[in-house]
């Protein structure tokens, strides 16, 4: 069984770090080799950063459902 207490919570600071890693390791090399254009780079990065509020909402909704079932 996986002990979930070992994992750190997914905070906004950690999310921004993950977004920066996606930018540096994935998107910028693709832009430099002309695989994607600058507009696509902005779009993908915006979607990546916007994921965190959606994630928090999903966790909140899941907690509400679990508390109602108990």
Protein backbone atom coordinates (compact mmCIF):
# COMPACT_ATOMS: atom_id res chain seq x y z
CA UNK A 1 0.00 0.00 0.00
CA UNK A 2 1.25 3.50 -0.79
CA UNK A 3 1.63 5.81 2.18
CA UNK A 4 0.27 9.16 0.99
CA UNK A 5 1.72 10.99 4.00
CA UNK A 6 5.19 10.67 2.44
CA UNK A 7 4.21 12.94 -0.46
CA UNK A 8 4.41 16.70 -0.10
CA UNK A 9 1.25 18.67 -0.91
CA UNK A 10 1.06 20.14 -4.40
CA UNK A 11 1.45 23.84 -3.63
CA UNK A 12 1.34 26.79 -6.01
CA UNK A 13 5.09 27.32 -5.56
CA UNK A 14 5.73 23.72 -6.58
CA UNK A 15 3.37 24.11 -9.53
CA UNK A 16 5.27 27.16 -10.80
CA UNK A 17 8.52 25.21 -10.50
CA UNK A 18 7.01 22.38 -12.56
CA UNK A 19 5.79 24.90 -15.14
CA UNK A 20 9.26 26.43 -15.37
CA UNK A 21 10.78 22.98 -15.88
CA UNK A 22 8.28 22.28 -18.66
CA UNK A 23 9.24 25.58 -20.28
CA UNK A 24 13.01 25.05 -20.06
CA UNK A 25 13.23 21.33 -20.77
CA UNK A 26 10.45 20.88 -23.34
CA UNK A 27 9.08 24.05 -24.88
CA UNK A 28 12.19 26.17 -25.44
CA UNK A 29 14.14 23.42 -27.25
CA UNK A 30 11.09 22.80 -29.45
CA UNK A 31 10.94 26.54 -30.20
CA UNK A 32 14.66 26.74 -30.96
CA UNK A 33 14.53 23.90 -33.48
CA UNK A 34 11.48 25.60 -35.07
CA UNK A 35 9.11 22.75 -34.20
CA UNK A 36 6.59 25.14 -32.65
CA UNK A 37 5.96 28.86 -33.08
CA UNK A 38 6.01 31.48 -30.35
CA UNK A 39 2.20 31.64 -30.20
CA UNK A 40 2.05 27.91 -29.52
CA UNK A 41 4.68 28.32 -26.81
CA UNK A 42 2.51 30.91 -25.04
CA UNK A 43 -0.59 28.76 -25.40
CA UNK A 44 1.00 25.60 -23.98
CA UNK A 45 2.64 27.49 -21.12
CA UNK A 46 -0.66 29.23 -20.28
CA UNK A 47 -2.49 25.91 -20.16
CA UNK A 48 0.26 24.47 -17.96
CA UNK A 49 0.05 27.34 -15.48
CA UNK A 50 -3.77 27.31 -15.48
CA UNK A 51 -3.77 23.64 -14.44
CA UNK A 52 -3.14 24.41 -10.75
CA UNK A 53 -6.49 26.11 -9.98
CA UNK A 54 -8.28 23.26 -11.77
CA UNK A 55 -6.34 20.75 -9.70
CA UNK A 56 -7.27 22.51 -6.44
CA UNK A 57 -10.94 22.55 -7.48
CA UNK A 58 -10.85 18.82 -8.27
CA UNK A 59 -9.29 18.05 -4.89
CA UNK A 60 -11.86 20.22 -3.10
CA UNK A 61 -14.76 18.55 -4.94
CA UNK A 62 -13.34 15.10 -4.17
CA UNK A 63 -13.10 15.95 -0.47
CA UNK A 64 -16.73 17.13 -0.46
CA UNK A 65 -17.89 13.90 -2.11
CA UNK A 66 -15.88 11.76 0.32
CA UNK A 67 -17.19 13.65 3.35
CA UNK A 68 -20.80 13.27 2.13
CA UNK A 69 -20.38 9.53 1.65
CA UNK A 70 -19.02 8.97 5.18
